[in-house]
Amino acid sequence: AVLGEAVSLAHSATVIAFLFAGIVAILTSYSYAKLSVKFQSK
């Protein structure tokens, strides 16, 4: 759904745009990992 949207905004730097978003995701995954181990729940 969003690949075309990314190209329309970042143009040739679409790769870097995905990297920026990925950095936010990996940092947040640290919080989720720590919380999930301590509070295991559906």
PDB file of all heavy atoms in Angstrom:
ATOM      1  N   ALA A   1       0.801  -1.220   0.000  1.00  0.00           N
ATOM      2  CA  ALA A   1       0.000   0.000   0.000  1.00  0.00           C
ATOM      3  C   ALA A   1       0.834   1.271   0.000  1.00  0.00           C
ATOM      4  O   ALA A   1       0.478   2.256  -0.658  1.00  0.00           O
ATOM      5  CB  ALA A   1      -0.938   0.000   1.222  1.00  0.00           C
ATOM      6  N   VAL A   2       1.969   1.280   0.725  1.00  0.00           N
ATOM      7  CA  VAL A   2       2.660   2.549   0.974  1.00  0.00           C
ATOM      8  C   VAL A   2       3.921   2.778   0.150  1.00  0.00           C
ATOM      9  O   VAL A   2       4.511   3.857   0.227  1.00  0.00           O
ATOM     10  CB  VAL A   2       3.024   2.703   2.473  1.00  0.00           C
ATOM     11  CG1 VAL A   2       1.796   2.600   3.343  1.00  0.00           C
ATOM     12  CG2 VAL A   2       4.086   1.682   2.887  1.00  0.00           C
ATOM     13  N   LEU A   3       4.353   1.793  -0.647  1.00  0.00           N
ATOM     14  CA  LEU A   3       5.581   1.985  -1.426  1.00  0.00           C
ATOM     15  C   LEU A   3       5.471   3.194  -2.345  1.00  0.00           C
ATOM     16  O   LEU A   3       6.368   4.046  -2.390  1.00  0.00           O
ATOM     17  CB  LEU A   3       5.901   0.730  -2.246  1.00  0.00           C
ATOM     18  CG  LEU A   3       7.139   0.839  -3.144  1.00  0.00           C
ATOM     19  CD1 LEU A   3       8.390   1.097  -2.319  1.00  0.00           C
ATOM     20  CD2 LEU A   3       7.302  -0.423  -3.987  1.00  0.00           C
ATOM     21  N   GLY A   4       4.361   3.302  -3.067  1.00  0.00           N
ATOM     22  CA  GLY A   4       4.166   4.445  -3.967  1.00  0.00           C
ATOM     23  C   GLY A   4       4.108   5.755  -3.220  1.00  0.00           C
ATOM     24  O   GLY A   4       4.624   6.777  -3.683  1.00  0.00           O
ATOM     25  N   GLU A   5       3.496   5.733  -2.044  1.00  0.00           N
ATOM     26  CA  GLU A   5       3.416   6.937  -1.218  1.00  0.00           C
ATOM     27  C   GLU A   5       4.817   7.368  -0.784  1.00  0.00           C
ATOM     28  O   GLU A   5       5.139   8.562  -0.762  1.00  0.00           O
ATOM     29  CB  GLU A   5       2.539   6.659   0.006  1.00  0.00           C
ATOM     30  CG  GLU A   5       2.055   7.886   0.737  1.00  0.00           C
ATOM     31  CD  GLU A   5       1.183   8.792  -0.106  1.00  0.00           C
ATOM     32  OE1 GLU A   5       0.397   8.276  -0.920  1.00  0.00           O
ATOM     33  OE2 GLU A   5       1.318  10.028   0.031  1.00  0.00           O
ATOM     34  N   ALA A   6       5.649   6.378  -0.450  1.00  0.00           N
ATOM     35  CA  ALA A   6       7.026   6.677  -0.047  1.00  0.00           C
ATOM     36  C   ALA A   6       7.806   7.329  -1.180  1.00  0.00           C
ATOM     37  O   ALA A   6       8.522   8.317  -0.980  1.00  0.00           O
ATOM     38  CB  ALA A   6       7.727   5.391   0.400  1.00  0.00           C
ATOM     39  N   VAL A   7       7.649   6.795  -2.379  1.00  0.00           N
ATOM     40  CA  VAL A   7       8.359   7.347  -3.544  1.00  0.00           C
ATOM     41  C   VAL A   7       7.893   8.767  -3.839  1.00  0.00           C
ATOM     42  O   VAL A   7       8.698   9.646  -4.172  1.00  0.00           O
ATOM     43  CB  VAL A   7       8.153   6.447  -4.782  1.00  0.00           C
ATOM     44  CG1 VAL A   7       8.780   7.084  -6.034  1.00  0.00           C
ATOM     45  CG2 VAL A   7       8.755   5.066  -4.550  1.00  0.00           C
ATOM     46  N   SER A   8       6.605   9.028  -3.681  1.00  0.00           N
ATOM     47  CA  SER A   8       6.077  10.363  -3.972  1.00  0.00           C
ATOM     48  C   SER A   8       6.612  11.407  -2.994  1.00  0.00           C
ATOM     49  O   SER A   8       6.667  12.593  -3.315  1.00  0.00           O
ATOM     50  CB  SER A   8       4.543  10.348  -3.936  1.00  0.00           C
ATOM     51  OG  SER A   8       4.070  10.219  -2.612  1.00  0.00           O
ATOM     52  N   LEU A   9       7.034  10.972  -1.818  1.00  0.00           N
ATOM     53  CA  LEU A   9       7.508  11.901  -0.794  1.00  0.00           C
ATOM     54  C   LEU A   9       9.031  11.980  -0.710  1.00  0.00           C
ATOM     55  O   LEU A   9       9.608  13.051  -0.586  1.00  0.00           O
ATOM     56  CB  LEU A   9       6.951  11.485   0.572  1.00  0.00           C
ATOM     57  CG  LEU A   9       5.431  11.589   0.713  1.00  0.00           C
ATOM     58  CD1 LEU A   9       4.951  10.726   1.866  1.00  0.00           C
ATOM     59  CD2 LEU A   9       5.012  13.035   0.933  1.00  0.00           C
ATOM     60  N   ALA A  10       9.680  10.806  -0.770  1.00  0.00           N
ATOM     61  CA  ALA A  10      11.139  10.767  -0.590  1.00  0.00           C
ATOM     62  C   ALA A  10      11.901  10.649  -1.899  1.00  0.00           C
ATOM     63  O   ALA A  10      13.115  10.833  -1.925  1.00  0.00           O
ATOM     64  CB  ALA A  10      11.510   9.601   0.325  1.00  0.00           C
ATOM     65  N   HIS A  11      11.198  10.301  -2.986  1.00  0.00           N
ATOM     66  CA  HIS A  11      11.812  10.178  -4.317  1.00  0.00           C
ATOM     67  C   HIS A  11      12.981   9.199  -4.278  1.00  0.00           C
ATOM     68  O   HIS A  11      12.814   8.084  -3.801  1.00  0.00           O
ATOM     69  CB  HIS A  11      12.213  11.560  -4.834  1.00  0.00           C
ATOM     70  CG  HIS A  11      11.090  12.547  -4.824  1.00  0.00           C
ATOM     71  ND1 HIS A  11      10.061  12.505  -5.735  1.00  0.00           N
ATOM     72  CD2 HIS A  11      10.795  13.577  -3.980  1.00  0.00           C
ATOM     73  CE1 HIS A  11       9.185  13.468  -5.474  1.00  0.00           C
ATOM     74  NE2 HIS A  11       9.608  14.131  -4.411  1.00  0.00           N
ATOM     75  N   SER A  12      14.166   9.608  -4.719  1.00  0.00           N
ATOM     76  CA  SER A  12      15.306   8.689  -4.793  1.00  0.00           C
ATOM     77  C   SER A  12      15.798   8.250  -3.421  1.00  0.00           C
ATOM     78  O   SER A  12      16.550   7.278  -3.308  1.00  0.00           O
ATOM     79  CB  SER A  12      16.460   9.351  -5.556  1.00  0.00           C
ATOM     80  OG  SER A  12      16.086   9.632  -6.881  1.00  0.00           O
ATOM     81  N   ALA A  13      15.403   8.965  -2.381  1.00  0.00           N
ATOM     82  CA  ALA A  13      15.849   8.632  -1.017  1.00  0.00           C
ATOM     83  C   ALA A  13      14.830   7.760  -0.277  1.00  0.00           C
ATOM     84  O   ALA A  13      14.842   7.694   0.957  1.00  0.00           O
ATOM     85  CB  ALA A  13      16.101   9.910  -0.230  1.00  0.00           C
ATOM     86  N   THR A  14      13.978   7.072  -1.023  1.00  0.00           N
ATOM     87  CA  THR A  14      12.976   6.200  -0.402  1.00  0.00           C
ATOM     88  C   THR A  14      13.637   5.165   0.504  1.00  0.00           C
ATOM     89  O   THR A  14      13.090   4.807   1.562  1.00  0.00           O
ATOM     90  CB  THR A  14      12.134   5.505  -1.494  1.00  0.00           C
ATOM     91  OG1 THR A  14      11.430   6.498  -2.236  1.00  0.00           O
ATOM     92  CG2 THR A  14      11.136   4.539  -0.895  1.00  0.00           C
ATOM     93  N   VAL A  15      14.805   4.688   0.108  1.00  0.00           N
ATOM     94  CA  VAL A  15      15.537   3.717   0.922  1.00  0.00           C
ATOM     95  C   VAL A  15      15.814   4.291   2.317  1.00  0.00           C
ATOM     96  O   VAL A  15      15.626   3.613   3.334  1.00  0.00           O
ATOM     97  CB  VAL A  15      16.881   3.344   0.248  1.00  0.00           C
ATOM     98  CG1 VAL A  15      17.622   2.306   1.082  1.00  0.00           C
ATOM     99  CG2 VAL A  15      16.642   2.814  -1.163  1.00  0.00           C
ATOM    100  N   ILE A  16      16.258   5.546   2.359  1.00  0.00           N
ATOM    101  CA  ILE A  16      16.573   6.183   3.640  1.00  0.00           C
ATOM    102  C   ILE A  16      15.306   6.412   4.454  1.00  0.00           C
ATOM    103  O   ILE A  16      15.320   6.305   5.682  1.00  0.00           O
ATOM    104  CB  ILE A  16      17.317   7.523   3.414  1.00  0.00           C
ATOM    105  CG1 ILE A  16      18.500   7.323   2.480  1.00  0.00           C
ATOM    106  CG2 ILE A  16      17.779   8.113   4.745  1.00  0.00           C
ATOM    107  CD1 ILE A  16      19.506   6.301   2.972  1.00  0.00           C
ATOM    108  N   ALA A  17      14.205   6.719   3.778  1.00  0.00           N
ATOM    109  CA  ALA A  17      12.931   6.915   4.481  1.00  0.00           C
ATOM    110  C   ALA A  17      12.516   5.631   5.206  1.00  0.00           C
ATOM    111  O   ALA A  17      12.098   5.672   6.374  1.00  0.00           O
ATOM    112  CB  ALA A  17      11.845   7.337   3.492  1.00  0.00           C
ATOM    113  N   PHE A  18      12.646   4.492   4.527  1.00  0.00           N
ATOM    114  CA  PHE A  18      12.327   3.212   5.173  1.00  0.00           C
ATOM    115  C   PHE A  18      13.283   2.935   6.329  1.00  0.00           C
ATOM    116  O   PHE A  18      12.883   2.334   7.335  1.00  0.00           O
ATOM    117  CB  PHE A  18      12.374   2.071   4.152  1.00  0.00           C
ATOM    118  CG  PHE A  18      11.085   1.874   3.401  1.00  0.00           C
ATOM    119  CD1 PHE A  18      10.971   2.216   2.066  1.00  0.00           C
ATOM    120  CD2 PHE A  18       9.975   1.337   4.033  1.00  0.00           C
ATOM    121  CE1 PHE A  18       9.785   2.037   1.369  1.00  0.00           C
ATOM    122  CE2 PHE A  18       8.779   1.144   3.358  1.00  0.00           C
ATOM    123  CZ  PHE A  18       8.682   1.501   2.019  1.00  0.00           C
ATOM    124  N   LEU A  19      14.545   3.352   6.188  1.00  0.00           N
ATOM    125  CA  LEU A  19      15.516   3.164   7.265  1.00  0.00           C
ATOM    126  C   LEU A  19      15.142   3.999   8.487  1.00  0.00           C
ATOM    127  O   LEU A  19      15.206   3.514   9.626  1.00  0.00           O
ATOM    128  CB  LEU A  19      16.917   3.527   6.784  1.00  0.00           C
ATOM    129  CG  LEU A  19      18.051   3.372   7.812  1.00  0.00           C
ATOM    130  CD1 LEU A  19      18.135   1.926   8.287  1.00  0.00           C
ATOM    131  CD2 LEU A  19      19.376   3.835   7.220  1.00  0.00           C
ATOM    132  N   PHE A  20      14.750   5.254   8.269  1.00  0.00           N
ATOM    133  CA  PHE A  20      14.327   6.112   9.380  1.00  0.00           C
ATOM    134  C   PHE A  20      13.167   5.475  10.147  1.00  0.00           C
ATOM    135  O   PHE A  20      13.163   5.426  11.384  1.00  0.00           O
ATOM    136  CB  PHE A  20      13.909   7.495   8.877  1.00  0.00           C
ATOM    137  CG  PHE A  20      15.052   8.418   8.573  1.00  0.00           C
ATOM    138  CD1 PHE A  20      14.903   9.457   7.661  1.00  0.00           C
ATOM    139  CD2 PHE A  20      16.277   8.276   9.200  1.00  0.00           C
ATOM    140  CE1 PHE A  20      15.956  10.313   7.375  1.00  0.00           C
ATOM    141  CE2 PHE A  20      17.334   9.137   8.931  1.00  0.00           C
ATOM    142  CZ  PHE A  20      17.175  10.151   8.020  1.00  0.00           C
ATOM    143  N   ALA A  21      12.170   5.011   9.399  1.00  0.00           N
ATOM    144  CA  ALA A  21      11.009   4.384  10.039  1.00  0.00           C
ATOM    145  C   ALA A  21      11.435   3.123  10.782  1.00  0.00           C
ATOM    146  O   ALA A  21      10.934   2.826  11.877  1.00  0.00           O
ATOM    147  CB  ALA A  21       9.947   4.055   8.994  1.00  0.00           C
ATOM    148  N   GLY A  22      12.377   2.376  10.205  1.00  0.00           N
ATOM    149  CA  GLY A  22      12.862   1.151  10.834  1.00  0.00           C
ATOM    150  C   GLY A  22      13.583   1.404  12.143  1.00  0.00           C
ATOM    151  O   GLY A  22      13.489   0.603  13.087  1.00  0.00           O
ATOM    152  N   ILE A  23      14.303   2.533  12.226  1.00  0.00           N
ATOM    153  CA  ILE A  23      15.005   2.881  13.472  1.00  0.00           C
ATOM    154  C   ILE A  23      14.001   3.107  14.609  1.00  0.00           C
ATOM    155  O   ILE A  23      14.199   2.653  15.734  1.00  0.00           O
ATOM    156  CB  ILE A  23      15.886   4.134  13.261  1.00  0.00           C
ATOM    157  CG1 ILE A  23      17.078   3.783  12.347  1.00  0.00           C
ATOM    158  CG2 ILE A  23      16.384   4.688  14.592  1.00  0.00           C
ATOM    159  CD1 ILE A  23      17.874   4.980  11.883  1.00  0.00           C
ATOM    160  N   VAL A  24      12.910   3.806  14.300  1.00  0.00           N
ATOM    161  CA  VAL A  24      11.858   4.011  15.311  1.00  0.00           C
ATOM    162  C   VAL A  24      11.289   2.660  15.739  1.00  0.00           C
ATOM    163  O   VAL A  24      11.059   2.415  16.933  1.00  0.00           O
ATOM    164  CB  VAL A  24      10.739   4.919  14.767  1.00  0.00           C
ATOM    165  CG1 VAL A  24       9.633   5.088  15.813  1.00  0.00           C
ATOM    166  CG2 VAL A  24      11.289   6.281  14.363  1.00  0.00           C
ATOM    167  N   ALA A  25      11.088   1.770  14.762  1.00  0.00           N
ATOM    168  CA  ALA A  25      10.521   0.455  15.059  1.00  0.00           C
ATOM    169  C   ALA A  25      11.455  -0.382  15.927  1.00  0.00           C
ATOM    170  O   ALA A  25      11.014  -1.009  16.904  1.00  0.00           O
ATOM    171  CB  ALA A  25      10.206  -0.286  13.761  1.00  0.00           C
ATOM    172  N   ILE A  26      12.747  -0.393  15.621  1.00  0.00           N
ATOM    173  CA  ILE A  26      13.675  -1.242  16.382  1.00  0.00           C
ATOM    174  C   ILE A  26      13.853  -0.716  17.801  1.00  0.00           C
ATOM    175  O   ILE A  26      13.967  -1.498  18.753  1.00  0.00           O
ATOM    176  CB  ILE A  26      15.042  -1.372  15.656  1.00  0.00           C
ATOM    177  CG1 ILE A  26      15.862  -2.518  16.254  1.00  0.00           C
ATOM    178  CG2 ILE A  26      15.834  -0.080  15.703  1.00  0.00           C
ATOM    179  CD1 ILE A  26      15.334  -3.879  16.005  1.00  0.00           C
ATOM    180  N   LEU A  27      13.857   0.609  17.981  1.00  0.00           N
ATOM    181  CA  LEU A  27      13.969   1.171  19.333  1.00  0.00           C
ATOM    182  C   LEU A  27      12.729   0.824  20.161  1.00  0.00           C
ATOM    183  O   LEU A  27      12.828   0.456  21.333  1.00  0.00           O
ATOM    184  CB  LEU A  27      14.153   2.686  19.264  1.00  0.00           C
ATOM    185  CG  LEU A  27      15.556   3.171  18.866  1.00  0.00           C
ATOM    186  CD1 LEU A  27      15.551   4.678  18.604  1.00  0.00           C
ATOM    187  CD2 LEU A  27      16.579   2.822  19.948  1.00  0.00           C
ATOM    188  N   THR A  28      11.564   0.928  19.530  1.00  0.00           N
ATOM    189  CA  THR A  28      10.322   0.608  20.246  1.00  0.00           C
ATOM    190  C   THR A  28      10.233  -0.885  20.540  1.00  0.00           C
ATOM    191  O   THR A  28       9.669  -1.294  21.571  1.00  0.00           O
ATOM    192  CB  THR A  28       9.101   1.070  19.436  1.00  0.00           C
ATOM    193  OG1 THR A  28       9.202   2.479  19.194  1.00  0.00           O
ATOM    194  CG2 THR A  28       7.799   0.794  20.173  1.00  0.00           C
ATOM    195  N   SER A  29      10.794  -1.708  19.661  1.00  0.00           N
ATOM    196  CA  SER A  29      10.767  -3.157  19.894  1.00  0.00           C
ATOM    197  C   SER A  29      11.546  -3.535  21.149  1.00  0.00           C
ATOM    198  O   SER A  29      11.259  -4.554  21.785  1.00  0.00           O
ATOM    199  CB  SER A  29      11.317  -3.911  18.676  1.00  0.00           C
ATOM    200  OG  SER A  29      12.723  -3.777  18.568  1.00  0.00           O
ATOM    201  N   TYR A  30      12.527  -2.704  21.533  1.00  0.00           N
ATOM    202  CA  TYR A  30      13.264  -2.941  22.776  1.00  0.00           C
ATOM    203  C   TYR A  30      12.311  -2.828  23.974  1.00  0.00           C
ATOM    204  O   TYR A  30      12.327  -3.669  24.885  1.00  0.00           O
ATOM    205  CB  TYR A  30      14.407  -1.939  22.915  1.00  0.00           C
ATOM    206  CG  TYR A  30      15.194  -2.071  24.208  1.00  0.00           C
ATOM    207  CD1 TYR A  30      16.170  -3.052  24.349  1.00  0.00           C
ATOM    208  CD2 TYR A  30      14.956  -1.223  25.286  1.00  0.00           C
ATOM    209  CE1 TYR A  30      16.885  -3.194  25.534  1.00  0.00           C
ATOM    210  CE2 TYR A  30      15.668  -1.347  26.474  1.00  0.00           C
ATOM    211  CZ  TYR A  30      16.631  -2.339  26.597  1.00  0.00           C
ATOM    212  OH  TYR A  30      17.331  -2.474  27.770  1.00  0.00           O
ATOM    213  N   SER A  31      11.477  -1.792  23.957  1.00  0.00           N
ATOM    214  CA  SER A  31      10.492  -1.626  25.038  1.00  0.00           C
ATOM    215  C   SER A  31       9.539  -2.815  25.078  1.00  0.00           C
ATOM    216  O   SER A  31       9.235  -3.359  26.147  1.00  0.00           O
ATOM    217  CB  SER A  31       9.698  -0.328  24.833  1.00  0.00           C
ATOM    218  OG  SER A  31      10.534   0.796  24.929  1.00  0.00           O
ATOM    219  N   TYR A  32       9.053  -3.221  23.896  1.00  0.00           N
ATOM    220  CA  TYR A  32       8.124  -4.347  23.828  1.00  0.00           C
ATOM    221  C   TYR A  32       8.769  -5.637  24.317  1.00  0.00           C
ATOM    222  O   TYR A  32       8.138  -6.450  25.013  1.00  0.00           O
ATOM    223  CB  TYR A  32       7.602  -4.527  22.398  1.00  0.00           C
ATOM    224  CG  TYR A  32       6.324  -3.780  22.134  1.00  0.00           C
ATOM    225  CD1 TYR A  32       6.343  -2.487  21.620  1.00  0.00           C
ATOM    226  CD2 TYR A  32       5.089  -4.350  22.408  1.00  0.00           C
ATOM    227  CE1 TYR A  32       5.173  -1.785  21.383  1.00  0.00           C
ATOM    228  CE2 TYR A  32       3.900  -3.663  22.169  1.00  0.00           C
ATOM    229  CZ  TYR A  32       3.956  -2.380  21.660  1.00  0.00           C
ATOM    230  OH  TYR A  32       2.790  -1.693  21.436  1.00  0.00           O
ATOM    231  N   ALA A  33      10.042  -5.848  23.951  1.00  0.00           N
ATOM    232  CA  ALA A  33      10.731  -7.068  24.357  1.00  0.00           C
ATOM    233  C   ALA A  33      10.846  -7.154  25.874  1.00  0.00           C
ATOM    234  O   ALA A  33      10.556  -8.199  26.482  1.00  0.00           O
ATOM    235  CB  ALA A  33      12.118  -7.126  23.710  1.00  0.00           C
ATOM    236  N   LYS A  34      11.257  -6.058  26.500  1.00  0.00           N
ATOM    237  CA  LYS A  34      11.416  -6.035  27.949  1.00  0.00           C
ATOM    238  C   LYS A  34      10.079  -6.197  28.668  1.00  0.00           C
ATOM    239  O   LYS A  34       9.958  -6.931  29.653  1.00  0.00           O
ATOM    240  CB  LYS A  34      12.094  -4.732  28.378  1.00  0.00           C
ATOM    241  CG  LYS A  34      13.556  -4.630  27.964  1.00  0.00           C
ATOM    242  CD  LYS A  34      14.401  -5.668  28.678  1.00  0.00           C
ATOM    243  CE  LYS A  34      15.880  -5.533  28.377  1.00  0.00           C
ATOM    244  NZ  LYS A  34      16.687  -6.551  29.095  1.00  0.00           N
ATOM    245  N   LEU A  35       9.066  -5.495  28.183  1.00  0.00           N
ATOM    246  CA  LEU A  35       7.741  -5.572  28.803  1.00  0.00           C
ATOM    247  C   LEU A  35       7.115  -6.949  28.615  1.00  0.00           C
ATOM    248  O   LEU A  35       6.458  -7.476  29.518  1.00  0.00           O
ATOM    249  CB  LEU A  35       6.830  -4.495  28.208  1.00  0.00           C
ATOM    250  CG  LEU A  35       7.136  -3.049  28.627  1.00  0.00           C
ATOM    251  CD1 LEU A  35       6.455  -2.062  27.681  1.00  0.00           C
ATOM    252  CD2 LEU A  35       6.696  -2.792  30.073  1.00  0.00           C
ATOM    253  N   SER A  36       7.325  -7.562  27.434  1.00  0.00           N
ATOM    254  CA  SER A  36       6.716  -8.859  27.137  1.00  0.00           C
ATOM    255  C   SER A  36       7.270  -9.968  28.016  1.00  0.00           C
ATOM    256  O   SER A  36       6.542 -10.883  28.411  1.00  0.00           O
ATOM    257  CB  SER A  36       6.939  -9.220  25.664  1.00  0.00           C
ATOM    258  OG  SER A  36       6.279  -8.314  24.817  1.00  0.00           O
ATOM    259  N   VAL A  37       8.572  -9.895  28.292  1.00  0.00           N
ATOM    260  CA  VAL A  37       9.185 -10.912  29.150  1.00  0.00           C
ATOM    261  C   VAL A  37       8.612 -10.827  30.568  1.00  0.00           C
ATOM    262  O   VAL A  37       8.312 -11.846  31.201  1.00  0.00           O
ATOM    263  CB  VAL A  37      10.725 -10.752  29.177  1.00  0.00           C
ATOM    264  CG1 VAL A  37      11.337 -11.644  30.262  1.00  0.00           C
ATOM    265  CG2 VAL A  37      11.312 -11.104  27.820  1.00  0.00           C
ATOM    266  N   LYS A  38       8.446  -9.609  31.061  1.00  0.00           N
ATOM    267  CA  LYS A  38       7.960  -9.413  32.436  1.00  0.00           C
ATOM    268  C   LYS A  38       6.458  -9.620  32.558  1.00  0.00           C
ATOM    269  O   LYS A  38       5.977 -10.231  33.518  1.00  0.00           O
ATOM    270  CB  LYS A  38       8.329  -7.996  32.913  1.00  0.00           C
ATOM    271  CG  LYS A  38       7.962  -7.716  34.359  1.00  0.00           C
ATOM    272  CD  LYS A  38       8.735  -8.607  35.310  1.00  0.00           C
ATOM    273  CE  LYS A  38       8.386  -8.305  36.750  1.00  0.00           C
ATOM    274  NZ  LYS A  38       9.101  -9.204  37.688  1.00  0.00           N
ATOM    275  N   PHE A  39       5.701  -9.124  31.593  1.00  0.00           N
ATOM    276  CA  PHE A  39       4.236  -9.191  31.665  1.00  0.00           C
ATOM    277  C   PHE A  39       3.707  -9.977  30.468  1.00  0.00           C
ATOM    278  O   PHE A  39       3.337  -9.409  29.440  1.00  0.00           O
ATOM    279  CB  PHE A  39       3.638  -7.780  31.677  1.00  0.00           C
ATOM    280  CG  PHE A  39       4.223  -6.877  32.717  1.00  0.00           C
ATOM    281  CD1 PHE A  39       5.016  -5.800  32.360  1.00  0.00           C
ATOM    282  CD2 PHE A  39       3.985  -7.107  34.070  1.00  0.00           C
ATOM    283  CE1 PHE A  39       5.563  -4.958  33.318  1.00  0.00           C
ATOM    284  CE2 PHE A  39       4.526  -6.267  35.039  1.00  0.00           C
ATOM    285  CZ  PHE A  39       5.318  -5.198  34.668  1.00  0.00           C
ATOM    286  N   GLN A  40       3.704 -11.294  30.616  1.00  0.00           N
ATOM    287  CA  GLN A  40       3.264 -12.158  29.515  1.00  0.00           C
ATOM    288  C   GLN A  40       1.745 -12.292  29.543  1.00  0.00           C
ATOM    289  O   GLN A  40       1.182 -12.855  30.468  1.00  0.00           O
ATOM    290  CB  GLN A  40       3.938 -13.516  29.619  1.00  0.00           C
ATOM    291  CG  GLN A  40       5.443 -13.443  29.427  1.00  0.00           C
ATOM    292  CD  GLN A  40       6.152 -14.728  29.753  1.00  0.00           C
ATOM    293  OE1 GLN A  40       5.618 -15.804  29.489  1.00  0.00           O
ATOM    294  NE2 GLN A  40       7.349 -14.640  30.320  1.00  0.00           N
ATOM    295  N   SER A  41       1.109 -11.758  28.509  1.00  0.00           N
ATOM    296  CA  SER A  41      -0.351 -11.732  28.483  1.00  0.00           C
ATOM    297  C   SER A  41      -0.835 -11.589  27.054  1.00  0.00           C
ATOM    298  O   SER A  41      -0.173 -10.967  26.227  1.00  0.00           O
ATOM    299  CB  SER A  41      -0.871 -10.556  29.320  1.00  0.00           C
ATOM    300  OG  SER A  41      -2.225 -10.301  29.052  1.00  0.00           O
ATOM    301  N   LYS A  42      -2.001 -12.180  26.761  1.00  0.00           N
ATOM    302  CA  LYS A  42      -2.600 -12.015  25.435  1.00  0.00           C
ATOM    303  C   LYS A  42      -3.017 -10.562  25.193  1.00  0.00           C
ATOM    304  O   LYS A  42      -3.254 -10.159  24.074  1.00  0.00           O
ATOM    305  CB  LYS A  42      -3.822 -12.930  25.304  1.00  0.00           C
ATOM    306  CG  LYS A  42      -3.465 -14.406  25.110  1.00  0.00           C
ATOM    307  CD  LYS A  42      -4.711 -15.239  24.912  1.00  0.00           C
ATOM    308  CE  LYS A  42      -4.371 -16.667  24.498  1.00  0.00           C
ATOM    309  NZ  LYS A  42      -3.595 -17.415  25.489  1.00  0.00           N
TER     310      LYS A  42
END
